[in-house]
Amino acid sequence: MALDTVFRDQWGRVLATLVGILGDIELAEDAAAEAFAVAAERWPRDGEPANPIGWLITTARNRAIDHLRRRQVLADKTKLLARDIETGPQPPEALMDDAATIPDERLELIFTCCHPALSLEAQVALTLRALGGLTTDEIALAFLVPFETMSKRLTRAKHKIRHAGIPFAIPPDHQLPDRLAAVLAVVYLIFNQGWGGGRVDLAAEAIHLGRALADLMPDEPEALALPALMLLHDARKAARLRDGQIVPLDDQDRTLWDTRQIDEGRALLRRAMARGQTGPYLVQAAIADLHLHEPRDWRQIAALYQTLARQTRSPIVEMNRAIAVAEIDGPEAGLAILDGLDLDHYRYFHSTRAELLRRAGRDGEAHHAYRRALDLAQTEPEQRFLAGRLAETKSSVRREPGCDST
């Protein structure tokens, strides 16, 4: 297995195990980085060890002990840690011999990174750094902030975990539903930042994290449904753009869809549905699956959006229900729902409303709605698509009797 593959797949597990041992994210992160650096030097020369993860954890742990020994203020902690390693039932060599003895503490690390005492932006950044293995540079670039800003954000979050005594632990049963919902929301936010913002690597990172959650919490239906939802959306990414412009789903080349991702997403969705609980990610995944069928069952899609609206009380969900209703009962029926929503700040609200107005033959109003959507658009593909629609409606408005053609 190539080192870059080990890093991509196992950074989170190595780091989580070290945090469990050392109780300090910063120290664990430094030690893990050193271990991977040593591996990059030695493995090509000496060959890959039989148990790469055990080798990395052992090397990193020994490096951490060296760091602690050099810190006079932590001398007592060093002695205690060294004694535990030397006298415990699993010495370092055991980790290098048997992968089964290595604890997988990624779940504890995920809940630590997404603790409610941290700001949402800190939760997202820490999750990408600790579980995804992204560098500070990469995270800063993804969220369009300077390196120094992101570096300080990560440092503050790590210090808060240490000084506030945020536990490295899975929450107790009575707190788990709310805390799990926060974790899933962070992962989905990362996905949407990559999907909606055009940064595909972030979408891939979110799917990577989602798969890990599904592996770590196989009995939680929402932990299964979230990666299903992301996979079913991401499977269409190769068909979403043509010549730098967004392609609506109905116009996409289905031969470009990733059938392996669709199959994996549907398998996870079936597993989630078998648990007998219907949460918001499961409903969204079911809707995403229905959108991949041809023809689409708009009545079932509308019914699922109604269920999701009851669960979330989200006006954005109502906006999506309006699209389905428009497919069933016509654009005016969809517009009647949109007119009751307070979403003037939301760019997709205006593009949705513009499309229904255009379909209803209200080109003048559609033109203004497309203009508002274009003003709010954040990516070049969106801007190109909306500019094209704006030009079409402008031409239509000019042809209307009594309209000023200047």
Protein backbone atom coordinates (compact mmCIF):
# COMPACT_ATOMS: atom_id res chain seq x y z
CA MET A 1 0.00 0.00 0.00
CA ALA A 2 1.48 3.36 -1.04
CA LEU A 3 2.24 5.83 1.75
CA ASP A 4 -0.06 8.46 0.27
CA THR A 5 -2.90 5.92 0.35
CA VAL A 6 -2.10 5.07 3.98
CA PHE A 7 -2.11 8.77 4.80
CA ARG A 8 -5.40 9.37 2.98
CA ASP A 9 -7.19 6.43 4.56
CA GLN A 10 -5.55 6.19 7.99
CA TRP A 11 -4.48 9.68 9.10
CA GLY A 12 -7.67 10.08 11.14
CA ARG A 13 -7.30 6.72 12.81
CA VAL A 14 -3.61 7.25 13.64
CA LEU A 15 -4.29 10.72 15.03
CA ALA A 16 -7.34 9.59 17.01
CA THR A 17 -5.39 6.77 18.62
CA LEU A 18 -2.60 9.16 19.57
CA VAL A 19 -5.05 11.70 21.04
CA GLY A 20 -6.51 8.88 23.12
CA ILE A 21 -3.04 8.06 24.42
CA LEU A 22 -1.67 11.58 24.84
CA GLY A 23 -4.77 13.58 25.62
CA ASP A 24 -3.56 16.51 23.52
CA ILE A 25 -4.57 17.15 19.89
CA GLU A 26 -1.64 19.46 19.12
CA LEU A 27 0.98 17.07 20.49
CA ALA A 28 -0.68 14.12 18.75
CA GLU A 29 -0.84 16.00 15.46
CA ASP A 30 2.84 16.97 15.59
CA ALA A 31 3.85 13.41 16.47
CA ALA A 32 1.71 11.92 13.70
CA ALA A 33 3.15 14.33 11.14
CA GLU A 34 6.69 13.37 12.20
CA ALA A 35 5.86 9.68 11.95
CA PHE A 36 4.56 10.07 8.39
CA ALA A 37 7.66 12.10 7.51
CA VAL A 38 9.92 9.33 8.84
CA ALA A 39 7.87 6.77 6.90
CA ALA A 40 8.30 8.79 3.69
CA GLU A 41 12.06 8.58 4.20
CA ARG A 42 12.40 4.96 5.33
CA TRP A 43 9.68 2.95 3.60
CA PRO A 44 10.94 3.47 0.03
CA ARG A 45 14.40 2.36 1.22
CA ASP A 46 13.58 -0.38 3.74
CA GLY A 47 10.18 -1.54 2.50
CA GLU A 48 6.74 -1.12 3.97
CA PRO A 49 6.27 -2.75 7.41
CA ALA A 50 3.84 -5.63 7.81
CA ASN A 51 1.53 -3.46 9.90
CA PRO A 52 1.84 0.11 8.59
CA ILE A 53 -0.69 1.61 11.02
CA GLY A 54 0.97 0.01 14.04
CA TRP A 55 4.36 1.22 12.84
CA LEU A 56 3.07 4.79 12.45
CA ILE A 57 1.36 4.84 15.84
CA THR A 58 4.39 3.38 17.60
CA THR A 59 6.78 5.77 15.89
CA ALA A 60 4.54 8.74 16.61
CA ARG A 61 4.09 7.74 20.24
CA ASN A 62 7.83 7.44 20.73
CA ARG A 63 8.32 10.86 19.13
CA ALA A 64 5.71 12.31 21.47
CA ILE A 65 7.54 10.86 24.49
CA ASP A 66 10.74 12.50 23.25
CA HIS A 67 8.91 15.83 22.97
CA LEU A 68 7.48 15.48 26.47
CA ARG A 69 10.87 14.64 27.94
CA ARG A 70 12.23 17.87 26.52
CA ARG A 71 9.54 19.88 28.25
CA GLN A 72 10.60 20.34 31.83
CA VAL A 73 7.17 21.54 32.91
CA LEU A 74 5.70 18.22 31.84
CA ALA A 75 8.29 15.96 33.45
CA ASP A 76 5.78 14.24 35.69
CA LYS A 77 3.44 13.60 32.81
CA THR A 78 6.33 12.14 30.82
CA LYS A 79 7.22 9.69 33.57
CA LEU A 80 3.62 8.63 33.94
CA LEU A 81 3.17 8.14 30.19
CA ALA A 82 6.47 6.30 29.81
CA ARG A 83 5.63 4.03 32.77
CA ASP A 84 2.21 3.22 31.29
CA ILE A 85 3.80 2.29 27.98
CA GLU A 86 6.57 0.20 29.54
CA THR A 87 4.42 -1.68 32.06
CA GLY A 88 1.09 -1.87 30.25
CA PRO A 89 -0.24 -5.07 28.70
CA GLN A 90 0.49 -3.80 25.16
CA PRO A 91 4.04 -2.53 24.65
CA PRO A 92 4.85 -0.61 21.45
CA GLU A 93 6.04 -3.75 19.68
CA ALA A 94 2.60 -5.28 20.06
CA LEU A 95 1.08 -2.55 17.95
CA MET A 96 3.57 -3.25 15.21
CA ASP A 97 2.80 -6.95 15.19
CA ASP A 98 -0.99 -7.09 15.31
CA ALA A 99 -3.35 -4.54 13.75
CA ALA A 100 -6.26 -5.92 15.76
CA THR A 101 -4.73 -4.56 18.99
CA ILE A 102 -4.81 -0.95 17.75
CA PRO A 103 -7.82 0.93 19.11
CA ASP A 104 -9.86 2.89 16.59
CA GLU A 105 -10.81 6.08 18.38
CA ARG A 106 -11.90 8.17 15.41
CA LEU A 107 -15.43 8.38 16.76
CA GLU A 108 -14.18 10.00 19.96
CA LEU A 109 -12.12 12.44 17.89
CA ILE A 110 -15.11 13.35 15.68
CA PHE A 111 -17.23 14.18 18.71
CA THR A 112 -14.37 16.17 20.23
CA CYS A 113 -13.90 18.22 17.06
CA CYS A 114 -17.66 18.88 16.84
CA HIS A 115 -18.20 19.70 20.52
CA PRO A 116 -20.88 22.41 20.99
CA ALA A 117 -18.44 24.53 23.03
CA LEU A 118 -16.58 25.24 19.76
CA SER A 119 -17.86 27.58 17.08
CA LEU A 120 -19.22 26.03 13.90
CA GLU A 121 -16.31 27.36 11.84
CA ALA A 122 -13.87 25.80 14.33
CA GLN A 123 -15.73 22.49 14.22
CA VAL A 124 -15.51 22.38 10.42
CA ALA A 125 -11.83 23.32 10.32
CA LEU A 126 -10.82 20.88 13.07
CA THR A 127 -12.78 18.03 11.47
CA LEU A 128 -11.05 18.57 8.14
CA ARG A 129 -7.63 18.83 9.80
CA ALA A 130 -7.95 15.99 12.29
CA LEU A 131 -10.09 13.47 10.43
CA GLY A 132 -9.48 14.41 6.82
CA GLY A 133 -5.79 15.18 7.12
CA LEU A 134 -6.04 18.40 5.11
CA THR A 135 -3.28 20.93 5.68
CA THR A 136 -4.00 24.38 7.08
CA ASP A 137 -3.19 25.79 3.63
CA GLU A 138 -5.76 23.54 1.97
CA ILE A 139 -8.48 24.38 4.49
CA ALA A 140 -7.78 28.10 4.21
CA LEU A 141 -7.96 27.89 0.42
CA ALA A 142 -11.19 25.90 0.52
CA PHE A 143 -12.92 28.50 2.69
CA LEU A 144 -11.30 31.50 1.02
CA VAL A 145 -9.59 32.89 4.11
CA PRO A 146 -5.90 33.77 4.62
CA PHE A 147 -3.57 31.08 5.94
CA GLU A 148 -2.91 33.10 9.11
CA THR A 149 -6.64 33.37 9.83
CA MET A 150 -7.19 29.64 9.50
CA SER A 151 -4.03 28.83 11.48
CA LYS A 152 -5.20 30.99 14.38
CA ARG A 153 -8.69 29.49 14.18
CA LEU A 154 -7.30 25.96 14.47
CA THR A 155 -4.90 26.90 17.27
CA ARG A 156 -7.65 28.58 19.28
CA ALA A 157 -9.88 25.54 18.89
CA LYS A 158 -7.17 23.13 20.04
CA HIS A 159 -6.34 25.34 23.03
CA LYS A 160 -10.01 25.55 23.97
CA ILE A 161 -10.29 21.76 23.91
CA ARG A 162 -7.28 21.54 26.23
CA HIS A 163 -8.10 24.36 28.65
CA ALA A 164 -11.85 23.76 28.84
CA GLY A 165 -11.32 20.06 29.42
CA ILE A 166 -13.52 19.03 26.49
CA PRO A 167 -13.64 15.25 26.83
CA PHE A 168 -12.17 12.89 24.28
CA ALA A 169 -15.15 10.59 24.46
CA ILE A 170 -18.39 9.48 22.85
CA PRO A 171 -21.26 11.40 24.53
CA PRO A 172 -23.50 9.56 27.01
CA ASP A 173 -26.67 8.02 25.60
CA HIS A 174 -28.94 10.91 26.59
CA GLN A 175 -26.72 13.42 24.73
CA LEU A 176 -25.91 11.28 21.72
CA PRO A 177 -28.85 12.20 19.41
CA ASP A 178 -28.20 15.95 19.61
CA ARG A 179 -24.43 15.58 19.39
CA LEU A 180 -24.66 13.15 16.48
CA ALA A 181 -26.93 15.60 14.67
CA ALA A 182 -24.23 18.27 15.11
CA VAL A 183 -21.53 15.96 13.74
CA LEU A 184 -23.63 15.05 10.71
CA ALA A 185 -24.43 18.72 10.10
CA VAL A 186 -20.71 19.58 10.06
CA VAL A 187 -19.92 16.82 7.57
CA TYR A 188 -22.85 17.82 5.33
CA LEU A 189 -21.78 21.46 5.49
CA ILE A 190 -18.33 20.43 4.26
CA PHE A 191 -19.96 18.50 1.41
CA ASN A 192 -22.16 21.40 0.38
CA GLN A 193 -19.18 23.75 0.44
CA GLY A 194 -17.51 21.47 -2.09
CA TRP A 195 -20.64 20.64 -4.10
CA GLY A 196 -22.21 24.07 -4.29
CA GLY A 197 -18.96 25.97 -4.29
CA GLY A 198 -17.30 23.94 -7.03
CA ARG A 199 -14.50 22.64 -4.78
CA VAL A 200 -14.81 18.94 -5.53
CA ASP A 201 -12.02 17.96 -3.12
CA LEU A 202 -14.11 19.14 -0.17
CA ALA A 203 -17.04 17.05 -1.36
CA ALA A 204 -14.71 14.05 -1.56
CA GLU A 205 -13.45 14.75 1.98
CA ALA A 206 -17.00 14.87 3.29
CA ILE A 207 -17.81 11.54 1.64
CA HIS A 208 -14.64 10.10 3.16
CA LEU A 209 -15.77 11.29 6.60
CA GLY A 210 -19.31 10.03 5.98
CA ARG A 211 -18.06 6.56 5.11
CA ALA A 212 -16.01 6.54 8.31
CA LEU A 213 -19.10 7.47 10.34
CA ALA A 214 -21.10 4.70 8.68
CA ASP A 215 -18.36 2.20 9.57
CA LEU A 216 -18.10 3.45 13.15
CA MET A 217 -21.86 3.76 13.81
CA PRO A 218 -23.47 1.03 11.67
CA ASP A 219 -26.64 0.92 13.79
CA GLU A 220 -27.41 4.64 13.52
CA PRO A 221 -29.72 5.15 10.50
CA GLU A 222 -28.80 8.82 10.04
CA ALA A 223 -25.07 7.97 10.07
CA LEU A 224 -25.80 5.58 7.19
CA ALA A 225 -28.17 7.93 5.39
CA LEU A 226 -25.82 10.92 5.24
CA PRO A 227 -23.10 9.22 3.16
CA ALA A 228 -25.88 7.71 1.03
CA LEU A 229 -27.21 11.21 0.35
CA MET A 230 -23.77 12.59 -0.49
CA LEU A 231 -22.88 9.68 -2.76
CA LEU A 232 -26.14 9.93 -4.70
CA HIS A 233 -25.56 13.63 -5.31
CA ASP A 234 -21.85 13.33 -6.02
CA ALA A 235 -22.41 10.54 -8.54
CA ARG A 236 -23.67 13.19 -10.98
CA LYS A 237 -20.73 15.57 -10.69
CA ALA A 238 -19.17 14.68 -14.06
CA ALA A 239 -22.43 15.62 -15.80
CA ARG A 240 -23.22 18.81 -13.87
CA LEU A 241 -21.00 21.10 -15.91
CA ARG A 242 -20.61 21.56 -19.64
CA ASP A 243 -18.31 24.21 -21.06
CA GLY A 244 -18.08 25.76 -17.61
CA GLN A 245 -21.86 26.10 -17.23
CA ILE A 246 -24.32 24.26 -14.98
CA VAL A 247 -26.38 21.58 -16.72
CA PRO A 248 -29.89 21.03 -15.26
CA LEU A 249 -30.57 17.47 -14.16
CA ASP A 250 -33.02 16.77 -17.00
CA ASP A 251 -30.37 17.74 -19.56
CA GLN A 252 -27.49 15.78 -18.02
CA ASP A 253 -25.76 12.95 -19.87
CA ARG A 254 -26.63 9.99 -17.67
CA THR A 255 -23.80 7.91 -19.12
CA LEU A 256 -21.45 10.21 -17.18
CA TRP A 257 -23.02 9.36 -13.84
CA ASP A 258 -20.90 7.19 -11.52
CA THR A 259 -22.88 3.97 -11.23
CA ARG A 260 -20.59 2.57 -8.52
CA GLN A 261 -21.33 5.55 -6.29
CA ILE A 262 -25.04 5.22 -7.02
CA ASP A 263 -24.97 1.53 -6.08
CA GLU A 264 -23.03 2.28 -2.88
CA GLY A 265 -25.41 5.09 -1.97
CA ARG A 266 -28.48 2.94 -2.55
CA ALA A 267 -27.01 0.10 -0.49
CA LEU A 268 -26.42 2.48 2.43
CA LEU A 269 -29.94 3.88 2.01
CA ARG A 270 -31.42 0.38 2.20
CA ARG A 271 -29.43 -0.31 5.38
CA ALA A 272 -30.66 2.94 6.91
CA MET A 273 -34.28 2.22 6.00
CA ALA A 274 -34.02 -1.23 7.53
CA ARG A 275 -33.39 0.36 10.95
CA GLY A 276 -37.03 1.51 11.04
CA GLN A 277 -36.40 5.18 11.85
CA THR A 278 -36.98 8.06 9.45
CA GLY A 279 -34.71 11.03 10.05
CA PRO A 280 -34.08 14.04 7.81
CA TYR A 281 -30.95 12.65 6.12
CA LEU A 282 -32.76 9.43 5.29
CA VAL A 283 -35.65 11.38 3.73
CA GLN A 284 -33.22 13.53 1.73
CA ALA A 285 -31.35 10.44 0.54
CA ALA A 286 -34.62 8.87 -0.58
CA ILE A 287 -35.45 12.04 -2.51
CA ALA A 288 -31.99 12.08 -4.10
CA ASP A 289 -32.52 8.48 -5.18
CA LEU A 290 -35.91 9.27 -6.74
CA HIS A 291 -34.31 12.08 -8.75
CA LEU A 292 -32.05 9.50 -10.40
CA HIS A 293 -35.01 7.54 -11.79
CA GLU A 294 -36.55 8.29 -15.16
CA PRO A 295 -39.34 9.29 -15.25
CA ARG A 296 -39.30 10.87 -11.80
CA ASP A 297 -42.18 10.19 -9.42
CA TRP A 298 -42.99 13.80 -8.56
CA ARG A 299 -45.89 12.91 -6.27
CA GLN A 300 -43.67 10.74 -4.11
CA ILE A 301 -40.97 13.43 -4.15
CA ALA A 302 -43.50 16.06 -3.07
CA ALA A 303 -44.78 13.79 -0.28
CA LEU A 304 -41.25 13.20 1.00
CA TYR A 305 -40.54 16.94 0.96
CA GLN A 306 -43.71 17.43 3.01
CA THR A 307 -42.40 14.90 5.54
CA LEU A 308 -39.03 16.65 5.57
CA ALA A 309 -40.70 20.04 6.06
CA ARG A 310 -42.48 18.72 9.16
CA GLN A 311 -39.19 17.40 10.52
CA THR A 312 -37.07 20.47 9.85
CA ARG A 313 -39.52 23.40 9.58
CA SER A 314 -37.12 24.74 6.95
CA PRO A 315 -38.32 27.25 4.34
CA ILE A 316 -35.66 25.87 1.98
CA VAL A 317 -37.36 22.48 2.14
CA GLU A 318 -40.66 24.20 1.33
CA MET A 319 -38.95 25.82 -1.65
CA ASN A 320 -37.94 22.39 -2.93
CA ARG A 321 -41.46 21.08 -2.32
CA ALA A 322 -42.73 23.95 -4.47
CA ILE A 323 -40.64 22.66 -7.37
CA ALA A 324 -42.23 19.22 -7.07
CA VAL A 325 -45.73 20.70 -6.74
CA ALA A 326 -45.10 22.76 -9.88
CA GLU A 327 -44.28 19.57 -11.77
CA ILE A 328 -47.61 18.07 -10.66
CA ASP A 329 -50.02 21.01 -10.71
CA GLY A 330 -48.23 23.60 -12.83
CA PRO A 331 -45.92 26.55 -12.16
CA GLU A 332 -48.57 28.80 -10.60
CA ALA A 333 -49.16 26.21 -7.88
CA GLY A 334 -45.45 26.20 -7.12
CA LEU A 335 -45.30 29.98 -7.12
CA ALA A 336 -48.15 30.11 -4.60
CA ILE A 337 -45.92 28.23 -2.15
CA LEU A 338 -42.84 30.35 -2.93
CA ASP A 339 -44.74 33.58 -2.38
CA GLY A 340 -45.24 32.64 1.27
CA LEU A 341 -41.54 32.09 2.00
CA ASP A 342 -39.10 34.60 3.49
CA LEU A 343 -35.97 33.67 1.50
CA ASP A 344 -34.97 36.91 -0.18
CA HIS A 345 -31.36 36.36 0.95
CA TYR A 346 -31.14 32.89 -0.64
CA ARG A 347 -29.84 32.80 -4.20
CA TYR A 348 -31.54 29.53 -5.13
CA PHE A 349 -34.91 30.93 -4.08
CA HIS A 350 -34.68 33.60 -6.77
CA SER A 351 -33.45 31.23 -9.47
CA THR A 352 -36.25 28.77 -8.59
CA ARG A 353 -38.86 31.51 -8.63
CA ALA A 354 -37.48 32.86 -11.91
CA GLU A 355 -37.72 29.45 -13.56
CA LEU A 356 -41.34 28.98 -12.50
CA LEU A 357 -42.22 32.51 -13.61
CA ARG A 358 -40.63 31.80 -16.99
CA ARG A 359 -42.62 28.59 -17.33
CA ALA A 360 -45.78 30.48 -16.39
CA GLY A 361 -45.15 32.97 -19.22
CA ARG A 362 -44.42 35.84 -16.84
CA ASP A 363 -41.14 36.77 -18.54
CA GLY A 364 -40.88 40.31 -17.18
CA GLU A 365 -41.05 39.08 -13.58
CA ALA A 366 -38.77 36.17 -14.45
CA HIS A 367 -36.19 38.61 -15.82
CA HIS A 368 -36.09 40.54 -12.54
CA ALA A 369 -35.88 37.31 -10.51
CA TYR A 370 -32.97 36.04 -12.61
CA ARG A 371 -31.23 39.38 -12.11
CA ARG A 372 -31.60 39.04 -8.33
CA ALA A 373 -30.30 35.45 -8.46
CA LEU A 374 -27.32 36.56 -10.55
CA ASP A 375 -26.51 39.29 -8.04
CA LEU A 376 -26.32 36.62 -5.31
CA ALA A 377 -24.55 33.89 -7.32
CA GLN A 378 -21.22 32.77 -5.84
CA THR A 379 -19.58 30.63 -8.51
CA GLU A 380 -18.72 31.17 -12.15
CA PRO A 381 -20.80 28.21 -13.45
CA GLU A 382 -23.87 29.59 -11.64
CA GLN A 383 -23.19 33.06 -13.00
CA ARG A 384 -22.87 31.80 -16.58
CA PHE A 385 -26.07 29.78 -16.34
CA LEU A 386 -28.06 32.66 -14.87
CA ALA A 387 -26.61 35.16 -17.34
CA GLY A 388 -27.86 32.92 -20.15
CA ARG A 389 -31.33 32.73 -18.63
CA LEU A 390 -31.29 36.49 -18.10
CA ALA A 391 -30.49 37.06 -21.77
CA GLU A 392 -33.31 34.74 -22.85
CA THR A 393 -35.92 36.49 -20.72
CA LYS A 394 -34.63 39.91 -21.80
CA SER A 395 -35.23 38.94 -25.42
CA SER A 396 -38.71 37.70 -24.55
CA VAL A 397 -39.55 40.88 -22.70
CA ARG A 398 -38.46 42.99 -25.67
CA ARG A 399 -40.78 41.05 -27.98
CA GLU A 400 -43.82 41.60 -25.74
CA PRO A 401 -46.32 44.19 -27.16
CA GLY A 402 -45.85 47.65 -25.64
CA CYS A 403 -42.37 46.88 -24.20
CA ASP A 404 -39.53 49.34 -24.66
CA SER A 405 -36.97 47.68 -26.92
CA THR A 406 -34.16 50.02 -25.97
